[in-house]
Each structure stands twice: as C-alpha cells, then as structure tokens.
Amino acid sequence: MMSGSGRPSRTWRYGDEAGVSMSGREIYIETQRVGGSVRVAAVDAATAEEVVFQVPPHTSKAEIDRLALAKLAWKLERNESHEPDEKRPGTRPGRGISV
C-alpha cells in the first residue's frame, strides 16, 4: 500500500457508497502503510472534518471504505448536534470526554 517514495499509494473520492449515505458529499479516503498496520484518513471536502484510524494490513478496501465513511458520518452528525464551540460536555478541565 505504500509506494517506494514514502507517499500514500491511493486516494479516492466518494459520494453515496459502501452502505453509508453521505448525502452526495465528496469524501477523500487515504491509506498509508505504517509498520504492521494501515493508517486510514477520511476527509469531508465541504467541511474539512477528518477522522483517522488504523486497521490491520489484510483489511479489504471495501471494509476500509465502509469504516471510514461510517466514522466520518458519525462525526459530522455529532458536530451538527452540538453547539459550534462546545467540544466537551461539562465544565471540568481536562482531556477527553467523561463517560
């Protein structure tokens, strides 16, 4: 999945595919081999929102696409349901979201 020059070997553009409706959005999905895993980044072209995750190297392209679109759809939906400046619930300082 990685070319000899160290650049990512593939980038795609998607609309409504892989069983996840993205309302015709243009989505860029990039994969890059990193050690014993594959780093996946999915970016929504309209909002520049990005999700990044890792998968095993034997994961199929279809499964990577499905996971990337589902994660990005979740993030976009979550952002629509929160106030623009609200990143964490609660008023306590600290990292992460309390569950």
N, C-alpha and C. Protein backbone atom coordinates (compact mmCIF):
# COMPACT_ATOMS: atom_id res chain seq x y z
N MET A 1 0.80 -1.19 0.00
CA MET A 1 0.00 0.00 0.00
C MET A 1 0.84 1.26 0.00
N MET A 2 2.11 1.12 0.23
CA MET A 2 2.98 2.29 0.29
C MET A 2 3.92 2.24 -0.90
N SER A 3 4.05 3.36 -1.58
CA SER A 3 4.98 3.40 -2.69
C SER A 3 6.40 3.54 -2.15
N GLY A 4 7.37 3.30 -2.98
CA GLY A 4 8.76 3.38 -2.57
C GLY A 4 9.18 4.77 -2.14
N SER A 5 8.46 5.80 -2.60
CA SER A 5 8.83 7.18 -2.28
C SER A 5 8.32 7.61 -0.91
N GLY A 6 7.54 6.77 -0.23
CA GLY A 6 7.01 7.12 1.08
C GLY A 6 5.69 7.87 1.02
N ARG A 7 5.17 8.06 -0.19
CA ARG A 7 3.89 8.75 -0.33
C ARG A 7 2.75 7.74 -0.26
N PRO A 8 1.55 8.18 0.17
CA PRO A 8 0.41 7.27 0.17
C PRO A 8 0.15 6.74 -1.24
N SER A 9 -0.27 5.49 -1.33
CA SER A 9 -0.41 4.87 -2.63
C SER A 9 -1.78 5.06 -3.26
N ARG A 10 -2.79 5.44 -2.49
CA ARG A 10 -4.10 5.61 -3.11
C ARG A 10 -4.95 6.63 -2.37
N THR A 11 -5.71 7.37 -3.13
CA THR A 11 -6.66 8.34 -2.60
C THR A 11 -7.91 8.24 -3.45
N TRP A 12 -9.09 8.23 -2.83
CA TRP A 12 -10.35 8.10 -3.55
C TRP A 12 -11.28 9.25 -3.23
N ARG A 13 -12.25 9.43 -4.10
CA ARG A 13 -13.33 10.39 -3.84
C ARG A 13 -14.63 9.60 -3.84
N TYR A 14 -15.49 9.90 -2.87
CA TYR A 14 -16.73 9.14 -2.72
C TYR A 14 -17.92 10.05 -2.56
N GLY A 15 -19.08 9.54 -2.94
CA GLY A 15 -20.35 10.17 -2.65
C GLY A 15 -21.12 9.21 -1.77
N ASP A 16 -22.23 8.65 -2.28
CA ASP A 16 -23.02 7.68 -1.53
C ASP A 16 -22.57 6.28 -1.92
N GLU A 17 -21.72 5.67 -1.10
CA GLU A 17 -21.22 4.34 -1.39
C GLU A 17 -20.98 3.58 -0.09
N ALA A 18 -20.63 2.35 -0.20
CA ALA A 18 -20.25 1.48 0.91
C ALA A 18 -21.34 1.35 1.97
N GLY A 19 -22.59 1.54 1.59
CA GLY A 19 -23.70 1.35 2.51
C GLY A 19 -23.90 2.47 3.51
N VAL A 20 -23.20 3.58 3.37
CA VAL A 20 -23.33 4.71 4.28
C VAL A 20 -23.73 5.92 3.45
N SER A 21 -24.89 6.51 3.74
CA SER A 21 -25.33 7.68 2.99
C SER A 21 -24.60 8.91 3.48
N MET A 22 -23.90 9.55 2.58
CA MET A 22 -23.20 10.78 2.91
C MET A 22 -23.80 11.95 2.14
N SER A 23 -25.04 11.83 1.69
CA SER A 23 -25.79 12.89 1.02
C SER A 23 -25.02 13.49 -0.16
N GLY A 24 -24.35 12.66 -0.93
CA GLY A 24 -23.63 13.12 -2.10
C GLY A 24 -22.38 13.92 -1.80
N ARG A 25 -21.90 13.87 -0.56
CA ARG A 25 -20.69 14.61 -0.19
C ARG A 25 -19.48 14.03 -0.90
N GLU A 26 -18.49 14.87 -1.10
CA GLU A 26 -17.22 14.42 -1.65
C GLU A 26 -16.31 14.08 -0.48
N ILE A 27 -15.88 12.83 -0.44
CA ILE A 27 -15.06 12.33 0.66
C ILE A 27 -13.75 11.81 0.09
N TYR A 28 -12.65 12.19 0.71
CA TYR A 28 -11.34 11.70 0.32
C TYR A 28 -10.89 10.68 1.35
N ILE A 29 -10.51 9.49 0.88
CA ILE A 29 -10.03 8.44 1.77
C ILE A 29 -8.61 8.10 1.35
N GLU A 30 -7.71 8.16 2.33
CA GLU A 30 -6.30 7.91 2.06
C GLU A 30 -5.81 6.80 2.97
N THR A 31 -5.04 5.87 2.42
CA THR A 31 -4.45 4.81 3.23
C THR A 31 -2.94 4.88 3.10
N GLN A 32 -2.27 4.52 4.20
CA GLN A 32 -0.82 4.53 4.20
C GLN A 32 -0.33 3.44 5.14
N ARG A 33 0.56 2.61 4.67
CA ARG A 33 1.12 1.53 5.49
C ARG A 33 2.07 2.13 6.51
N VAL A 34 1.86 1.80 7.78
CA VAL A 34 2.72 2.28 8.87
C VAL A 34 3.06 1.07 9.73
N GLY A 35 4.27 0.58 9.59
CA GLY A 35 4.69 -0.59 10.35
C GLY A 35 3.81 -1.79 10.05
N GLY A 36 3.23 -2.37 11.08
CA GLY A 36 2.38 -3.55 10.92
C GLY A 36 0.90 -3.24 10.79
N SER A 37 0.56 -2.00 10.45
CA SER A 37 -0.85 -1.64 10.28
C SER A 37 -1.01 -0.65 9.14
N VAL A 38 -2.25 -0.30 8.85
CA VAL A 38 -2.55 0.67 7.79
C VAL A 38 -3.26 1.85 8.43
N ARG A 39 -2.74 3.05 8.21
CA ARG A 39 -3.36 4.28 8.71
C ARG A 39 -4.36 4.74 7.67
N VAL A 40 -5.59 5.02 8.11
CA VAL A 40 -6.66 5.46 7.21
C VAL A 40 -7.09 6.85 7.65
N ALA A 41 -7.17 7.78 6.70
CA ALA A 41 -7.67 9.12 6.96
C ALA A 41 -8.81 9.37 5.99
N ALA A 42 -9.94 9.85 6.50
CA ALA A 42 -11.08 10.22 5.65
C ALA A 42 -11.40 11.68 5.92
N VAL A 43 -11.54 12.47 4.85
CA VAL A 43 -11.77 13.91 4.97
C VAL A 43 -12.99 14.28 4.14
N ASP A 44 -13.92 15.03 4.76
CA ASP A 44 -15.07 15.58 4.06
C ASP A 44 -14.61 16.86 3.36
N ALA A 45 -14.74 16.93 2.04
CA ALA A 45 -14.23 18.07 1.27
C ALA A 45 -14.96 19.37 1.62
N ALA A 46 -16.24 19.31 1.96
CA ALA A 46 -17.01 20.52 2.23
C ALA A 46 -16.67 21.14 3.58
N THR A 47 -16.44 20.33 4.60
CA THR A 47 -16.23 20.86 5.96
C THR A 47 -14.79 20.71 6.44
N ALA A 48 -13.98 19.95 5.75
CA ALA A 48 -12.60 19.65 6.14
C ALA A 48 -12.53 18.86 7.46
N GLU A 49 -13.63 18.24 7.87
CA GLU A 49 -13.61 17.36 9.04
C GLU A 49 -12.87 16.09 8.66
N GLU A 50 -12.08 15.57 9.60
CA GLU A 50 -11.25 14.41 9.33
C GLU A 50 -11.37 13.38 10.45
N VAL A 51 -11.36 12.12 10.06
CA VAL A 51 -11.23 11.03 11.02
C VAL A 51 -10.02 10.21 10.60
N VAL A 52 -9.28 9.73 11.59
CA VAL A 52 -8.09 8.92 11.34
C VAL A 52 -8.15 7.70 12.24
N PHE A 53 -7.86 6.54 11.68
CA PHE A 53 -7.85 5.31 12.47
C PHE A 53 -6.90 4.32 11.81
N GLN A 54 -6.63 3.22 12.48
CA GLN A 54 -5.74 2.20 11.96
C GLN A 54 -6.47 0.87 11.82
N VAL A 55 -6.08 0.10 10.82
CA VAL A 55 -6.66 -1.22 10.60
C VAL A 55 -5.51 -2.20 10.32
N PRO A 56 -5.77 -3.51 10.46
CA PRO A 56 -4.76 -4.50 10.10
C PRO A 56 -4.47 -4.43 8.60
N PRO A 57 -3.27 -4.81 8.18
CA PRO A 57 -2.91 -4.69 6.76
C PRO A 57 -3.71 -5.59 5.82
N HIS A 58 -4.32 -6.64 6.33
CA HIS A 58 -5.10 -7.54 5.47
C HIS A 58 -6.56 -7.11 5.31
N THR A 59 -6.96 -5.97 5.88
CA THR A 59 -8.34 -5.48 5.78
C THR A 59 -8.64 -5.11 4.34
N SER A 60 -9.80 -5.52 3.84
CA SER A 60 -10.15 -5.27 2.44
C SER A 60 -10.45 -3.79 2.21
N LYS A 61 -10.29 -3.36 0.96
CA LYS A 61 -10.58 -1.98 0.57
C LYS A 61 -12.05 -1.64 0.87
N ALA A 62 -12.96 -2.57 0.59
CA ALA A 62 -14.38 -2.33 0.84
C ALA A 62 -14.66 -2.10 2.33
N GLU A 63 -14.01 -2.89 3.18
CA GLU A 63 -14.21 -2.73 4.62
C GLU A 63 -13.60 -1.41 5.12
N ILE A 64 -12.43 -1.05 4.60
CA ILE A 64 -11.81 0.23 4.96
C ILE A 64 -12.74 1.37 4.57
N ASP A 65 -13.27 1.32 3.35
CA ASP A 65 -14.18 2.37 2.87
C ASP A 65 -15.42 2.46 3.75
N ARG A 66 -16.02 1.31 4.07
CA ARG A 66 -17.23 1.29 4.90
C ARG A 66 -16.95 1.89 6.27
N LEU A 67 -15.84 1.48 6.90
CA LEU A 67 -15.48 2.01 8.22
C LEU A 67 -15.21 3.51 8.17
N ALA A 68 -14.47 3.95 7.17
CA ALA A 68 -14.12 5.37 7.05
C ALA A 68 -15.37 6.23 6.87
N LEU A 69 -16.27 5.80 6.00
CA LEU A 69 -17.49 6.58 5.76
C LEU A 69 -18.40 6.58 6.98
N ALA A 70 -18.50 5.44 7.68
CA ALA A 70 -19.34 5.37 8.88
C ALA A 70 -18.78 6.27 9.98
N LYS A 71 -17.47 6.24 10.18
CA LYS A 71 -16.86 7.08 11.21
C LYS A 71 -17.01 8.56 10.88
N LEU A 72 -16.83 8.92 9.62
CA LEU A 72 -16.97 10.31 9.22
C LEU A 72 -18.42 10.77 9.33
N ALA A 73 -19.37 9.92 8.94
CA ALA A 73 -20.79 10.26 9.07
C ALA A 73 -21.14 10.48 10.54
N TRP A 74 -20.62 9.63 11.44
CA TRP A 74 -20.87 9.79 12.87
C TRP A 74 -20.33 11.13 13.36
N LYS A 75 -19.12 11.47 12.95
CA LYS A 75 -18.51 12.73 13.40
C LYS A 75 -19.29 13.94 12.88
N LEU A 76 -19.70 13.90 11.62
CA LEU A 76 -20.46 15.02 11.06
C LEU A 76 -21.81 15.17 11.77
N GLU A 77 -22.47 14.05 12.05
CA GLU A 77 -23.75 14.09 12.76
C GLU A 77 -23.57 14.61 14.18
N ARG A 78 -22.51 14.18 14.84
CA ARG A 78 -22.21 14.63 16.20
C ARG A 78 -21.95 16.13 16.22
N ASN A 79 -21.21 16.62 15.23
CA ASN A 79 -20.91 18.05 15.17
C ASN A 79 -22.16 18.88 14.93
N GLU A 80 -23.13 18.37 14.16
CA GLU A 80 -24.37 19.09 13.91
C GLU A 80 -25.23 19.18 15.16
N SER A 81 -25.14 18.18 16.05
CA SER A 81 -25.99 18.15 17.24
C SER A 81 -25.41 18.94 18.40
N HIS A 82 -24.15 19.39 18.32
CA HIS A 82 -23.51 20.16 19.38
C HIS A 82 -23.38 21.62 18.96
N GLU A 83 -23.28 22.48 19.95
CA GLU A 83 -23.00 23.88 19.68
C GLU A 83 -21.63 23.98 19.02
N PRO A 84 -21.41 24.96 18.16
CA PRO A 84 -20.13 25.05 17.45
C PRO A 84 -18.91 25.12 18.36
N ASP A 85 -19.00 25.82 19.50
CA ASP A 85 -17.85 25.97 20.37
C ASP A 85 -17.76 24.89 21.45
N GLU A 86 -18.78 24.04 21.54
CA GLU A 86 -18.80 23.01 22.58
C GLU A 86 -18.02 21.78 22.11
N LYS A 87 -16.90 21.52 22.73
CA LYS A 87 -16.10 20.36 22.36
C LYS A 87 -16.23 19.25 23.39
N ARG A 88 -16.45 19.61 24.64
CA ARG A 88 -16.60 18.63 25.72
C ARG A 88 -17.82 18.98 26.55
N PRO A 89 -18.57 17.97 26.96
CA PRO A 89 -19.64 18.24 27.91
C PRO A 89 -19.06 18.55 29.28
N GLY A 90 -19.80 19.28 30.09
CA GLY A 90 -19.35 19.58 31.44
C GLY A 90 -18.45 20.79 31.49
N THR A 91 -18.07 21.17 32.70
CA THR A 91 -17.25 22.36 32.88
C THR A 91 -15.88 22.04 33.46
N ARG A 92 -15.64 20.78 33.82
CA ARG A 92 -14.35 20.41 34.40
C ARG A 92 -13.26 20.47 33.34
N PRO A 93 -12.08 20.99 33.73
CA PRO A 93 -10.97 20.98 32.77
C PRO A 93 -10.42 19.57 32.65
N GLY A 94 -9.71 19.34 31.59
CA GLY A 94 -9.09 18.03 31.41
C GLY A 94 -9.27 17.54 30.01
N ARG A 95 -8.61 16.45 29.71
CA ARG A 95 -8.66 15.90 28.36
C ARG A 95 -9.77 14.87 28.26
N GLY A 96 -10.31 14.74 27.09
CA GLY A 96 -11.26 13.68 26.80
C GLY A 96 -12.67 14.01 27.22
N ILE A 97 -13.53 13.06 26.98
CA ILE A 97 -14.95 13.20 27.30
C ILE A 97 -15.26 12.26 28.45
N SER A 98 -15.90 12.76 29.48
CA SER A 98 -16.28 11.93 30.62
C SER A 98 -17.44 11.05 30.24
N VAL A 99 -17.36 9.77 30.59
CA VAL A 99 -18.43 8.84 30.31
C VAL A 99 -18.94 8.22 31.58
